[in-house]
mmCIF file of all heavy atoms, coordinates in Angstrom:
data_MODEL
# 
_entry.id   MODEL 
# 
loop_
_atom_site.group_PDB 
_atom_site.id 
_atom_site.type_symbol 
_atom_site.label_atom_id 
_atom_site.label_alt_id 
_atom_site.label_comp_id 
_atom_site.label_asym_id 
_atom_site.label_entity_id 
_atom_site.label_seq_id 
_atom_site.pdbx_PDB_ins_code 
_atom_site.Cartn_x 
_atom_site.Cartn_y 
_atom_site.Cartn_z 
_atom_site.occupancy 
_atom_site.B_iso_or_equiv 
_atom_site.pdbx_formal_charge 
_atom_site.auth_seq_id 
_atom_site.auth_comp_id 
_atom_site.auth_asym_id 
_atom_site.auth_atom_id 
_atom_site.pdbx_PDB_model_num 
ATOM 1   N N   . ARG A 1 1  ? -97.084  61.227 72.104 1.00 0.00 ? 1  ARG A N   1 
ATOM 2   C CA  . ARG A 1 1  ? -98.458  61.646 71.830 1.00 0.00 ? 1  ARG A CA  1 
ATOM 3   C C   . ARG A 1 1  ? -99.457  60.644 72.392 1.00 0.00 ? 1  ARG A C   1 
ATOM 4   O O   . ARG A 1 1  ? -100.455 61.006 73.030 1.00 0.00 ? 1  ARG A O   1 
ATOM 5   C CB  . ARG A 1 1  ? -98.663  61.795 70.325 1.00 0.00 ? 1  ARG A CB  1 
ATOM 6   C CG  . ARG A 1 1  ? -100.074 62.237 69.915 1.00 0.00 ? 1  ARG A CG  1 
ATOM 7   C CD  . ARG A 1 1  ? -100.409 61.788 68.499 1.00 0.00 ? 1  ARG A CD  1 
ATOM 8   N NE  . ARG A 1 1  ? -100.488 60.339 68.396 1.00 0.00 ? 1  ARG A NE  1 
ATOM 9   C CZ  . ARG A 1 1  ? -100.584 59.694 67.237 1.00 0.00 ? 1  ARG A CZ  1 
ATOM 10  N NH1 . ARG A 1 1  ? -100.586 60.370 66.094 1.00 0.00 ? 1  ARG A NH1 1 
ATOM 11  N NH2 . ARG A 1 1  ? -100.667 58.367 67.208 1.00 0.00 ? 1  ARG A NH2 1 
ATOM 12  N N   . ASP A 1 2  ? -99.192  59.355 72.144 1.00 0.00 ? 2  ASP A N   1 
ATOM 13  C CA  . ASP A 1 2  ? -100.157 58.329 72.534 1.00 0.00 ? 2  ASP A CA  1 
ATOM 14  C C   . ASP A 1 2  ? -100.250 58.166 74.047 1.00 0.00 ? 2  ASP A C   1 
ATOM 15  O O   . ASP A 1 2  ? -101.299 57.756 74.564 1.00 0.00 ? 2  ASP A O   1 
ATOM 16  C CB  . ASP A 1 2  ? -99.783  57.001 71.874 1.00 0.00 ? 2  ASP A CB  1 
ATOM 17  C CG  . ASP A 1 2  ? -99.937  57.047 70.353 1.00 0.00 ? 2  ASP A CG  1 
ATOM 18  O OD1 . ASP A 1 2  ? -100.537 58.023 69.859 1.00 0.00 ? 2  ASP A OD1 1 
ATOM 19  O OD2 . ASP A 1 2  ? -99.458  56.126 69.671 1.00 0.00 ? 2  ASP A OD2 1 
ATOM 20  N N   . MET A 1 3  ? -99.170  58.488 74.767 1.00 0.00 ? 3  MET A N   1 
ATOM 21  C CA  . MET A 1 3  ? -99.224  58.456 76.226 1.00 0.00 ? 3  MET A CA  1 
ATOM 22  C C   . MET A 1 3  ? -100.287 59.428 76.733 1.00 0.00 ? 3  MET A C   1 
ATOM 23  O O   . MET A 1 3  ? -101.030 59.124 77.679 1.00 0.00 ? 3  MET A O   1 
ATOM 24  C CB  . MET A 1 3  ? -97.868  58.829 76.821 1.00 0.00 ? 3  MET A CB  1 
ATOM 25  C CG  . MET A 1 3  ? -97.853  58.909 78.342 1.00 0.00 ? 3  MET A CG  1 
ATOM 26  S SD  . MET A 1 3  ? -96.221  59.314 79.015 1.00 0.00 ? 3  MET A SD  1 
ATOM 27  C CE  . MET A 1 3  ? -96.053  61.017 78.467 1.00 0.00 ? 3  MET A CE  1 
ATOM 28  N N   . VAL A 1 4  ? -100.383 60.582 76.085 1.00 0.00 ? 4  VAL A N   1 
ATOM 29  C CA  . VAL A 1 4  ? -101.391 61.579 76.457 1.00 0.00 ? 4  VAL A CA  1 
ATOM 30  C C   . VAL A 1 4  ? -102.790 61.037 76.176 1.00 0.00 ? 4  VAL A C   1 
ATOM 31  O O   . VAL A 1 4  ? -103.704 61.166 76.999 1.00 0.00 ? 4  VAL A O   1 
ATOM 32  C CB  . VAL A 1 4  ? -101.156 62.900 75.700 1.00 0.00 ? 4  VAL A CB  1 
ATOM 33  C CG1 . VAL A 1 4  ? -102.306 63.875 75.943 1.00 0.00 ? 4  VAL A CG1 1 
ATOM 34  C CG2 . VAL A 1 4  ? -99.830  63.517 76.121 1.00 0.00 ? 4  VAL A CG2 1 
ATOM 35  N N   . LEU A 1 5  ? -102.971 60.397 75.026 1.00 0.00 ? 5  LEU A N   1 
ATOM 36  C CA  . LEU A 1 5  ? -104.277 59.863 74.664 1.00 0.00 ? 5  LEU A CA  1 
ATOM 37  C C   . LEU A 1 5  ? -104.711 58.741 75.612 1.00 0.00 ? 5  LEU A C   1 
ATOM 38  O O   . LEU A 1 5  ? -105.877 58.668 76.013 1.00 0.00 ? 5  LEU A O   1 
ATOM 39  C CB  . LEU A 1 5  ? -104.260 59.358 73.219 1.00 0.00 ? 5  LEU A CB  1 
ATOM 40  C CG  . LEU A 1 5  ? -103.990 60.422 72.150 1.00 0.00 ? 5  LEU A CG  1 
ATOM 41  C CD1 . LEU A 1 5  ? -103.932 59.780 70.768 1.00 0.00 ? 5  LEU A CD1 1 
ATOM 42  C CD2 . LEU A 1 5  ? -105.064 61.504 72.184 1.00 0.00 ? 5  LEU A CD2 1 
ATOM 43  N N   . VAL A 1 6  ? -103.761 57.875 75.964 1.00 0.00 ? 6  VAL A N   1 
ATOM 44  C CA  . VAL A 1 6  ? -104.068 56.794 76.910 1.00 0.00 ? 6  VAL A CA  1 
ATOM 45  C C   . VAL A 1 6  ? -104.456 57.378 78.264 1.00 0.00 ? 6  VAL A C   1 
ATOM 46  O O   . VAL A 1 6  ? -105.417 56.923 78.903 1.00 0.00 ? 6  VAL A O   1 
ATOM 47  C CB  . VAL A 1 6  ? -102.865 55.836 77.044 1.00 0.00 ? 6  VAL A CB  1 
ATOM 48  C CG1 . VAL A 1 6  ? -103.092 54.846 78.185 1.00 0.00 ? 6  VAL A CG1 1 
ATOM 49  C CG2 . VAL A 1 6  ? -102.635 55.081 75.741 1.00 0.00 ? 6  VAL A CG2 1 
ATOM 50  N N   . ALA A 1 7  ? -103.740 58.392 78.711 1.00 0.00 ? 7  ALA A N   1 
ATOM 51  C CA  . ALA A 1 7  ? -104.033 59.011 80.009 1.00 0.00 ? 7  ALA A CA  1 
ATOM 52  C C   . ALA A 1 7  ? -105.391 59.692 80.007 1.00 0.00 ? 7  ALA A C   1 
ATOM 53  O O   . ALA A 1 7  ? -106.142 59.612 80.986 1.00 0.00 ? 7  ALA A O   1 
ATOM 54  C CB  . ALA A 1 7  ? -102.936 60.014 80.357 1.00 0.00 ? 7  ALA A CB  1 
ATOM 55  N N   . LEU A 1 8  ? -105.729 60.355 78.909 1.00 0.00 ? 8  LEU A N   1 
ATOM 56  C CA  . LEU A 1 8  ? -107.016 61.062 78.830 1.00 0.00 ? 8  LEU A CA  1 
ATOM 57  C C   . LEU A 1 8  ? -108.202 60.105 78.748 1.00 0.00 ? 8  LEU A C   1 
ATOM 58  O O   . LEU A 1 8  ? -109.333 60.490 79.078 1.00 0.00 ? 8  LEU A O   1 
ATOM 59  C CB  . LEU A 1 8  ? -107.037 61.985 77.606 1.00 0.00 ? 8  LEU A CB  1 
ATOM 60  C CG  . LEU A 1 8  ? -106.188 63.253 77.693 1.00 0.00 ? 8  LEU A CG  1 
ATOM 61  C CD1 . LEU A 1 8  ? -106.164 63.957 76.352 1.00 0.00 ? 8  LEU A CD1 1 
ATOM 62  C CD2 . LEU A 1 8  ? -106.721 64.188 78.777 1.00 0.00 ? 8  LEU A CD2 1 
ATOM 63  N N   . ALA A 1 9  ? -107.951 58.871 78.326 1.00 0.00 ? 9  ALA A N   1 
ATOM 64  C CA  . ALA A 1 9  ? -109.054 57.925 78.111 1.00 0.00 ? 9  ALA A CA  1 
ATOM 65  C C   . ALA A 1 9  ? -109.822 57.641 79.395 1.00 0.00 ? 9  ALA A C   1 
ATOM 66  O O   . ALA A 1 9  ? -111.056 57.526 79.368 1.00 0.00 ? 9  ALA A O   1 
ATOM 67  C CB  . ALA A 1 9  ? -108.511 56.619 77.522 1.00 0.00 ? 9  ALA A CB  1 
ATOM 68  N N   . GLY A 1 10 ? -109.125 57.519 80.522 1.00 0.00 ? 10 GLY A N   1 
ATOM 69  C CA  . GLY A 1 10 ? -109.791 57.206 81.786 1.00 0.00 ? 10 GLY A CA  1 
ATOM 70  C C   . GLY A 1 10 ? -110.736 58.300 82.244 1.00 0.00 ? 10 GLY A C   1 
ATOM 71  O O   . GLY A 1 10 ? -111.950 58.062 82.402 1.00 0.00 ? 10 GLY A O   1 
ATOM 72  N N   . PRO A 1 11 ? -110.237 59.531 82.457 1.00 0.00 ? 11 PRO A N   1 
ATOM 73  C CA  . PRO A 1 11 ? -111.148 60.631 82.819 1.00 0.00 ? 11 PRO A CA  1 
ATOM 74  C C   . PRO A 1 11 ? -112.209 60.889 81.761 1.00 0.00 ? 11 PRO A C   1 
ATOM 75  O O   . PRO A 1 11 ? -113.348 61.230 82.091 1.00 0.00 ? 11 PRO A O   1 
ATOM 76  C CB  . PRO A 1 11 ? -110.205 61.830 82.964 1.00 0.00 ? 11 PRO A CB  1 
ATOM 77  C CG  . PRO A 1 11 ? -108.873 61.237 83.274 1.00 0.00 ? 11 PRO A CG  1 
ATOM 78  C CD  . PRO A 1 11 ? -108.827 59.948 82.513 1.00 0.00 ? 11 PRO A CD  1 
ATOM 79  N N   . GLY A 1 12 ? -111.839 60.731 80.477 1.00 0.00 ? 12 GLY A N   1 
ATOM 80  C CA  . GLY A 1 12 ? -112.822 60.921 79.412 1.00 0.00 ? 12 GLY A CA  1 
ATOM 81  C C   . GLY A 1 12 ? -113.964 59.928 79.524 1.00 0.00 ? 12 GLY A C   1 
ATOM 82  O O   . GLY A 1 12 ? -115.134 60.284 79.334 1.00 0.00 ? 12 GLY A O   1 
ATOM 83  N N   . MET A 1 13 ? -113.644 58.684 79.838 1.00 0.00 ? 13 MET A N   1 
ATOM 84  C CA  . MET A 1 13 ? -114.680 57.673 80.031 1.00 0.00 ? 13 MET A CA  1 
ATOM 85  C C   . MET A 1 13 ? -115.583 58.040 81.202 1.00 0.00 ? 13 MET A C   1 
ATOM 86  O O   . MET A 1 13 ? -116.815 57.910 81.120 1.00 0.00 ? 13 MET A O   1 
ATOM 87  C CB  . MET A 1 13 ? -114.036 56.304 80.265 1.00 0.00 ? 13 MET A CB  1 
ATOM 88  C CG  . MET A 1 13 ? -115.020 55.219 80.669 1.00 0.00 ? 13 MET A CG  1 
ATOM 89  S SD  . MET A 1 13 ? -116.305 54.893 79.426 1.00 0.00 ? 13 MET A SD  1 
ATOM 90  C CE  . MET A 1 13 ? -115.347 53.977 78.207 1.00 0.00 ? 13 MET A CE  1 
ATOM 91  N N   . ASN A 1 14 ? -114.998 58.522 82.295 1.00 0.00 ? 14 ASN A N   1 
ATOM 92  C CA  . ASN A 1 14 ? -115.808 58.897 83.459 1.00 0.00 ? 14 ASN A CA  1 
ATOM 93  C C   . ASN A 1 14 ? -116.746 60.051 83.146 1.00 0.00 ? 14 ASN A C   1 
ATOM 94  O O   . ASN A 1 14 ? -117.906 60.057 83.586 1.00 0.00 ? 14 ASN A O   1 
ATOM 95  C CB  . ASN A 1 14 ? -114.911 59.261 84.636 1.00 0.00 ? 14 ASN A CB  1 
ATOM 96  C CG  . ASN A 1 14 ? -114.195 58.060 85.221 1.00 0.00 ? 14 ASN A CG  1 
ATOM 97  O OD1 . ASN A 1 14 ? -112.971 58.056 85.343 1.00 0.00 ? 14 ASN A OD1 1 
ATOM 98  N ND2 . ASN A 1 14 ? -114.937 57.029 85.567 1.00 0.00 ? 14 ASN A ND2 1 
ATOM 99  N N   . LEU A 1 15 ? -116.280 61.031 82.368 1.00 0.00 ? 15 LEU A N   1 
ATOM 100 C CA  . LEU A 1 15 ? -117.154 62.141 82.000 1.00 0.00 ? 15 LEU A CA  1 
ATOM 101 C C   . LEU A 1 15 ? -118.264 61.677 81.059 1.00 0.00 ? 15 LEU A C   1 
ATOM 102 O O   . LEU A 1 15 ? -119.402 62.150 81.143 1.00 0.00 ? 15 LEU A O   1 
ATOM 103 C CB  . LEU A 1 15 ? -116.338 63.262 81.359 1.00 0.00 ? 15 LEU A CB  1 
ATOM 104 C CG  . LEU A 1 15 ? -115.388 64.010 82.304 1.00 0.00 ? 15 LEU A CG  1 
ATOM 105 C CD1 . LEU A 1 15 ? -114.595 65.062 81.539 1.00 0.00 ? 15 LEU A CD1 1 
ATOM 106 C CD2 . LEU A 1 15 ? -116.171 64.663 83.446 1.00 0.00 ? 15 LEU A CD2 1 
ATOM 107 N N   . LEU A 1 16 ? -117.944 60.754 80.163 1.00 0.00 ? 16 LEU A N   1 
ATOM 108 C CA  . LEU A 1 16 ? -118.963 60.196 79.273 1.00 0.00 ? 16 LEU A CA  1 
ATOM 109 C C   . LEU A 1 16 ? -120.029 59.460 80.085 1.00 0.00 ? 16 LEU A C   1 
ATOM 110 O O   . LEU A 1 16 ? -121.238 59.637 79.865 1.00 0.00 ? 16 LEU A O   1 
ATOM 111 C CB  . LEU A 1 16 ? -118.315 59.244 78.274 1.00 0.00 ? 16 LEU A CB  1 
ATOM 112 C CG  . LEU A 1 16 ? -119.274 58.478 77.344 1.00 0.00 ? 16 LEU A CG  1 
ATOM 113 C CD1 . LEU A 1 16 ? -120.070 59.441 76.465 1.00 0.00 ? 16 LEU A CD1 1 
ATOM 114 C CD2 . LEU A 1 16 ? -118.509 57.473 76.485 1.00 0.00 ? 16 LEU A CD2 1 
ATOM 115 N N   . LEU A 1 17 ? -119.607 58.640 81.043 1.00 0.00 ? 17 LEU A N   1 
ATOM 116 C CA  . LEU A 1 17 ? -120.550 57.910 81.887 1.00 0.00 ? 17 LEU A CA  1 
ATOM 117 C C   . LEU A 1 17 ? -121.403 58.879 82.707 1.00 0.00 ? 17 LEU A C   1 
ATOM 118 O O   . LEU A 1 17 ? -122.611 58.672 82.860 1.00 0.00 ? 17 LEU A O   1 
ATOM 119 C CB  . LEU A 1 17 ? -119.798 56.962 82.820 1.00 0.00 ? 17 LEU A CB  1 
ATOM 120 C CG  . LEU A 1 17 ? -119.102 55.766 82.171 1.00 0.00 ? 17 LEU A CG  1 
ATOM 121 C CD1 . LEU A 1 17 ? -118.274 55.013 83.202 1.00 0.00 ? 17 LEU A CD1 1 
ATOM 122 C CD2 . LEU A 1 17 ? -120.110 54.834 81.514 1.00 0.00 ? 17 LEU A CD2 1 
ATOM 123 N N   . ALA A 1 18 ? -120.770 59.932 83.229 1.00 0.00 ? 18 ALA A N   1 
ATOM 124 C CA  . ALA A 1 18 ? -121.515 60.925 84.008 1.00 0.00 ? 18 ALA A CA  1 
ATOM 125 C C   . ALA A 1 18 ? -122.562 61.611 83.148 1.00 0.00 ? 18 ALA A C   1 
ATOM 126 O O   . ALA A 1 18 ? -123.704 61.835 83.585 1.00 0.00 ? 18 ALA A O   1 
ATOM 127 C CB  . ALA A 1 18 ? -120.553 61.959 84.599 1.00 0.00 ? 18 ALA A CB  1 
ATOM 128 N N   . GLY A 1 19 ? -122.207 61.945 81.912 1.00 0.00 ? 19 GLY A N   1 
ATOM 129 C CA  . GLY A 1 19 ? -123.149 62.599 81.011 1.00 0.00 ? 19 GLY A CA  1 
ATOM 130 C C   . GLY A 1 19 ? -124.326 61.704 80.660 1.00 0.00 ? 19 GLY A C   1 
ATOM 131 O O   . GLY A 1 19 ? -125.481 62.142 80.673 1.00 0.00 ? 19 GLY A O   1 
ATOM 132 N N   . LEU A 1 20 ? -124.051 60.433 80.357 1.00 0.00 ? 20 LEU A N   1 
ATOM 133 C CA  . LEU A 1 20 ? -125.128 59.502 80.017 1.00 0.00 ? 20 LEU A CA  1 
ATOM 134 C C   . LEU A 1 20 ? -126.048 59.269 81.218 1.00 0.00 ? 20 LEU A C   1 
ATOM 135 O O   . LEU A 1 20 ? -127.272 59.218 81.075 1.00 0.00 ? 20 LEU A O   1 
ATOM 136 C CB  . LEU A 1 20 ? -124.528 58.173 79.540 1.00 0.00 ? 20 LEU A CB  1 
ATOM 137 C CG  . LEU A 1 20 ? -123.776 58.211 78.203 1.00 0.00 ? 20 LEU A CG  1 
ATOM 138 C CD1 . LEU A 1 20 ? -123.126 56.861 77.927 1.00 0.00 ? 20 LEU A CD1 1 
ATOM 139 C CD2 . LEU A 1 20 ? -124.699 58.611 77.061 1.00 0.00 ? 20 LEU A CD2 1 
ATOM 140 N N   . ALA A 1 21 ? -125.450 59.143 82.399 1.00 0.00 ? 21 ALA A N   1 
ATOM 141 C CA  . ALA A 1 21 ? -126.257 58.936 83.602 1.00 0.00 ? 21 ALA A CA  1 
ATOM 142 C C   . ALA A 1 21 ? -127.111 60.163 83.902 1.00 0.00 ? 21 ALA A C   1 
ATOM 143 O O   . ALA A 1 21 ? -128.274 60.034 84.317 1.00 0.00 ? 21 ALA A O   1 
ATOM 144 C CB  . ALA A 1 21 ? -125.346 58.617 84.789 1.00 0.00 ? 21 ALA A CB  1 
ATOM 145 N N   . ALA A 1 22 ? -126.548 61.361 83.694 1.00 0.00 ? 22 ALA A N   1 
ATOM 146 C CA  . ALA A 1 22 ? -127.309 62.590 83.938 1.00 0.00 ? 22 ALA A CA  1 
ATOM 147 C C   . ALA A 1 22 ? -128.488 62.691 82.982 1.00 0.00 ? 22 ALA A C   1 
ATOM 148 O O   . ALA A 1 22 ? -129.586 63.116 83.375 1.00 0.00 ? 22 ALA A O   1 
ATOM 149 C CB  . ALA A 1 22 ? -126.393 63.806 83.783 1.00 0.00 ? 22 ALA A CB  1 
ATOM 150 N N   . LEU A 1 23 ? -128.297 62.303 81.723 1.00 0.00 ? 23 LEU A N   1 
ATOM 151 C CA  . LEU A 1 23 ? -129.405 62.300 80.758 1.00 0.00 ? 23 LEU A CA  1 
ATOM 152 C C   . LEU A 1 23 ? -130.502 61.335 81.196 1.00 0.00 ? 23 LEU A C   1 
ATOM 153 O O   . LEU A 1 23 ? -131.700 61.672 81.139 1.00 0.00 ? 23 LEU A O   1 
ATOM 154 C CB  . LEU A 1 23 ? -128.886 61.919 79.370 1.00 0.00 ? 23 LEU A CB  1 
ATOM 155 C CG  . LEU A 1 23 ? -128.038 62.963 78.640 1.00 0.00 ? 23 LEU A CG  1 
ATOM 156 C CD1 . LEU A 1 23 ? -127.479 62.384 77.349 1.00 0.00 ? 23 LEU A CD1 1 
ATOM 157 C CD2 . LEU A 1 23 ? -128.856 64.225 78.347 1.00 0.00 ? 23 LEU A CD2 1 
ATOM 158 N N   . ALA A 1 24 ? -130.104 60.140 81.624 1.00 0.00 ? 24 ALA A N   1 
ATOM 159 C CA  . ALA A 1 24 ? -131.090 59.159 82.089 1.00 0.00 ? 24 ALA A CA  1 
ATOM 160 C C   . ALA A 1 24 ? -131.833 59.682 83.307 1.00 0.00 ? 24 ALA A C   1 
ATOM 161 O O   . ALA A 1 24 ? -133.050 59.493 83.439 1.00 0.00 ? 24 ALA A O   1 
ATOM 162 C CB  . ALA A 1 24 ? -130.389 57.835 82.419 1.00 0.00 ? 24 ALA A CB  1 
ATOM 163 N N   . LEU A 1 25 ? -131.113 60.371 84.182 1.00 0.00 ? 25 LEU A N   1 
ATOM 164 C CA  . LEU A 1 25 ? -131.725 60.901 85.395 1.00 0.00 ? 25 LEU A CA  1 
ATOM 165 C C   . LEU A 1 25 ? -132.764 61.965 85.067 1.00 0.00 ? 25 LEU A C   1 
ATOM 166 O O   . LEU A 1 25 ? -133.891 61.936 85.574 1.00 0.00 ? 25 LEU A O   1 
ATOM 167 C CB  . LEU A 1 25 ? -130.631 61.482 86.294 1.00 0.00 ? 25 LEU A CB  1 
ATOM 168 C CG  . LEU A 1 25 ? -131.028 61.917 87.705 1.00 0.00 ? 25 LEU A CG  1 
ATOM 169 C CD1 . LEU A 1 25 ? -131.471 60.721 88.530 1.00 0.00 ? 25 LEU A CD1 1 
ATOM 170 C CD2 . LEU A 1 25 ? -129.860 62.631 88.384 1.00 0.00 ? 25 LEU A CD2 1 
ATOM 171 N N   . HIS A 1 26 ? -132.401 62.911 84.195 1.00 0.00 ? 26 HIS A N   1 
ATOM 172 C CA  . HIS A 1 26 ? -133.276 64.039 83.901 1.00 0.00 ? 26 HIS A CA  1 
ATOM 173 C C   . HIS A 1 26 ? -134.480 63.664 83.024 1.00 0.00 ? 26 HIS A C   1 
ATOM 174 O O   . HIS A 1 26 ? -135.585 64.172 83.228 1.00 0.00 ? 26 HIS A O   1 
ATOM 175 C CB  . HIS A 1 26 ? -132.488 65.154 83.217 1.00 0.00 ? 26 HIS A CB  1 
ATOM 176 C CG  . HIS A 1 26 ? -131.588 65.905 84.153 1.00 0.00 ? 26 HIS A CG  1 
ATOM 177 N ND1 . HIS A 1 26 ? -132.068 66.654 85.206 1.00 0.00 ? 26 HIS A ND1 1 
ATOM 178 C CD2 . HIS A 1 26 ? -130.241 66.005 84.204 1.00 0.00 ? 26 HIS A CD2 1 
ATOM 179 C CE1 . HIS A 1 26 ? -131.047 67.194 85.866 1.00 0.00 ? 26 HIS A CE1 1 
ATOM 180 N NE2 . HIS A 1 26 ? -129.935 66.816 85.279 1.00 0.00 ? 26 HIS A NE2 1 
# 
């Protein structure tokens, strides 16, 4: 189970950063 969570953390972080940057942009 935790292998899945560790793997998802990287793309999840990138989507979080993209969302925050998009909010700052708009």
